[in-house]
Amino acid sequence: MNYEDIKKLMDDMGESKIDALEIEFPEGMKISMKKSGNSSNKNVESVPVSTHQEIQNIVVQENKTNSSQQEDLQENLKIVTSPMVGTFYEASSPKQPALVKVGDKVKKGDVLCIIEAMKLMNEIESEYDGEIVEICVQNEEMVDFGKPLFKIK
């Protein structure tokens, strides 16, 4: 949810007859709004500070991700993102070498890494043919849905 969507939501809340609104999105973001005690006031006067800070953090984080992805598109890079929340593993076992490293040529369908989610090991396959130019996460790092894992040229 970007800043404009949040601002529109606040404006709509201010113009409506409801006094309070709480929305929880599947991604874990929560928005809570409450009008002041005067029901004739049509503006949203208070948003809890923690929610306001969360909204700012989400918008800032979303903008950083978008600008980073725009730069990558200008460089003609393709980004493989995490399809789930879990733990990133560069190899199928601790004693094995990494499945891929910077400079490796990959084809669509090649296994790039493993993401452990709820005790299940999920192989993440390349969506593109090309060369690995960057690995965006460290081994055993927690990743979120949509987090860039690899950049392929």
Protein backbone atom coordinates (compact mmCIF):
# COMPACT_ATOMS: atom_id res chain seq x y z
CA MET A 1 0.00 0.00 0.00
CA ASN A 2 1.61 3.28 -1.05
CA TYR A 3 1.30 6.79 0.40
CA GLU A 4 -1.41 7.88 -2.07
CA ASP A 5 -3.59 4.87 -1.19
CA ILE A 6 -3.22 5.59 2.51
CA LYS A 7 -4.01 9.29 2.00
CA LYS A 8 -7.13 8.40 -0.01
CA LEU A 9 -8.20 5.98 2.73
CA MET A 10 -7.81 8.76 5.32
CA ASP A 11 -9.80 11.20 3.16
CA ASP A 12 -12.58 8.65 2.61
CA MET A 13 -12.68 7.96 6.35
CA GLY A 14 -12.97 11.70 7.05
CA GLU A 15 -15.93 12.04 4.69
CA SER A 16 -17.78 8.98 5.96
CA LYS A 17 -20.11 8.61 8.93
CA ILE A 18 -18.06 5.91 10.63
CA ASP A 19 -16.05 6.88 13.71
CA ALA A 20 -13.35 4.21 13.72
CA LEU A 21 -11.69 1.91 11.21
CA GLU A 22 -9.19 -0.90 11.63
CA ILE A 23 -7.80 -2.87 8.71
CA GLU A 24 -5.38 -5.79 8.91
CA PHE A 25 -3.82 -6.89 5.63
CA PRO A 26 -2.60 -10.47 4.97
CA GLU A 27 0.99 -9.17 4.68
CA GLY A 28 0.80 -8.21 8.37
CA MET A 29 0.33 -4.46 7.98
CA LYS A 30 -2.34 -2.87 10.19
CA ILE A 31 -4.02 0.50 9.80
CA SER A 32 -6.15 1.96 12.61
CA MET A 33 -7.96 5.28 12.37
CA LYS A 34 -10.34 6.97 14.79
CA LYS A 35 -12.17 10.26 14.54
CA SER A 36 -12.24 12.62 17.47
CA GLY A 37 -15.28 12.61 19.79
CA ASN A 38 -16.99 15.37 17.78
CA SER A 39 -18.91 13.52 15.07
CA SER A 40 -19.54 16.72 13.10
CA ASN A 41 -15.81 16.99 12.42
CA LYS A 42 -15.23 15.29 9.10
CA ASN A 43 -11.42 15.15 9.21
CA VAL A 44 -9.41 12.29 10.60
CA GLU A 45 -7.72 13.87 13.58
CA SER A 46 -5.72 11.06 15.08
CA VAL A 47 -3.86 8.08 13.85
CA PRO A 48 -2.05 6.18 16.59
CA VAL A 49 1.65 7.08 16.53
CA SER A 50 2.81 3.50 16.17
CA THR A 51 0.51 2.96 13.19
CA HIS A 52 1.62 6.25 11.66
CA GLN A 53 5.25 5.21 12.04
CA GLU A 54 4.52 1.78 10.56
CA ILE A 55 2.84 3.45 7.58
CA GLN A 56 5.83 5.75 7.05
CA ASN A 57 8.24 2.82 7.33
CA ILE A 58 6.24 0.75 4.85
CA VAL A 59 6.02 3.61 2.36
CA VAL A 60 9.74 4.38 2.69
CA GLN A 61 10.70 0.71 2.38
CA GLU A 62 8.38 0.26 -0.61
CA ASN A 63 9.86 3.36 -2.31
CA LYS A 64 13.43 2.11 -1.76
CA THR A 65 12.55 -1.27 -3.24
CA ASN A 66 10.83 0.33 -6.24
CA SER A 67 13.75 2.70 -6.95
CA SER A 68 16.22 -0.19 -6.62
CA GLN A 69 14.16 -2.32 -9.02
CA GLN A 70 13.88 0.59 -11.48
CA GLU A 71 17.67 0.94 -11.50
CA ASP A 72 18.01 -2.79 -12.14
CA LEU A 73 15.53 -2.59 -15.03
CA GLN A 74 17.61 0.23 -16.55
CA GLU A 75 20.64 -2.07 -16.36
CA ASN A 76 18.55 -4.82 -18.01
CA LEU A 77 18.80 -7.09 -14.96
CA LYS A 78 16.18 -9.65 -14.06
CA ILE A 79 15.41 -10.16 -10.38
CA VAL A 80 14.50 -13.49 -8.79
CA THR A 81 12.44 -12.75 -5.67
CA SER A 82 11.46 -14.91 -2.73
CA PRO A 83 8.07 -16.58 -3.25
CA MET A 84 7.64 -17.08 0.53
CA VAL A 85 8.81 -16.15 3.99
CA GLY A 86 11.55 -18.43 5.30
CA THR A 87 15.27 -19.04 5.72
CA PHE A 88 17.56 -18.74 2.67
CA TYR A 89 20.12 -21.50 2.12
CA GLU A 90 22.70 -21.32 -0.65
CA ALA A 91 23.29 -25.11 -0.64
CA SER A 92 21.22 -28.24 -0.19
CA SER A 93 23.23 -29.17 2.93
CA PRO A 94 25.87 -27.45 5.08
CA LYS A 95 28.68 -29.63 3.68
CA GLN A 96 27.75 -29.03 0.03
CA PRO A 97 29.03 -26.11 -2.08
CA ALA A 98 26.66 -23.28 -2.98
CA LEU A 99 24.20 -24.16 -5.74
CA VAL A 100 25.15 -20.99 -7.64
CA LYS A 101 27.66 -18.18 -7.25
CA VAL A 102 28.25 -14.83 -8.93
CA GLY A 103 29.34 -15.40 -12.52
CA ASP A 104 27.55 -18.74 -12.97
CA LYS A 105 25.42 -19.20 -16.08
CA VAL A 106 21.92 -20.45 -15.31
CA LYS A 107 19.00 -21.63 -17.38
CA LYS A 108 15.30 -21.36 -16.66
CA GLY A 109 14.43 -24.14 -14.21
CA ASP A 110 17.90 -24.47 -12.62
CA VAL A 111 17.78 -24.63 -8.81
CA LEU A 112 19.29 -21.44 -7.36
CA CYS A 113 18.75 -21.91 -3.61
CA ILE A 114 16.64 -23.50 -0.91
CA ILE A 115 14.13 -21.65 1.28
CA GLU A 116 13.05 -23.40 4.44
CA ALA A 117 9.51 -22.55 5.45
CA MET A 118 7.72 -24.39 8.27
CA LYS A 119 10.34 -27.17 8.29
CA LEU A 120 9.88 -27.77 4.54
CA MET A 121 12.79 -27.29 2.14
CA ASN A 122 11.63 -25.52 -1.02
CA GLU A 123 13.87 -25.43 -4.09
CA ILE A 124 13.78 -22.03 -5.78
CA GLU A 125 14.28 -22.30 -9.52
CA SER A 126 15.49 -19.66 -11.95
CA GLU A 127 12.77 -17.96 -13.92
CA TYR A 128 15.32 -16.71 -16.48
CA ASP A 129 18.30 -17.73 -18.59
CA GLY A 130 21.41 -15.68 -17.92
CA GLU A 131 24.35 -15.01 -15.63
CA ILE A 132 24.19 -14.45 -11.86
CA VAL A 133 25.52 -10.92 -11.27
CA GLU A 134 24.52 -10.54 -7.61
CA ILE A 135 23.31 -12.65 -4.71
CA CYS A 136 21.23 -10.24 -2.62
CA VAL A 137 21.05 -12.24 0.64
CA GLN A 138 23.45 -14.10 2.93
CA ASN A 139 23.31 -17.81 3.70
CA GLU A 140 20.84 -18.62 6.53
CA GLU A 141 19.28 -15.14 6.34
CA MET A 142 15.55 -14.74 6.93
CA VAL A 143 13.73 -13.56 3.79
CA ASP A 144 10.27 -12.09 3.29
CA PHE A 145 7.86 -12.62 0.44
CA GLY A 146 9.05 -10.58 -2.56
CA LYS A 147 12.57 -9.94 -1.25
CA PRO A 148 15.13 -9.92 -4.09
CA LEU A 149 17.35 -13.01 -3.92
CA PHE A 150 19.34 -12.93 -7.17
CA LYS A 151 20.03 -10.52 -10.02
CA ILE A 152 20.50 -12.14 -13.41
CA LYS A 153 21.86 -10.49 -16.55
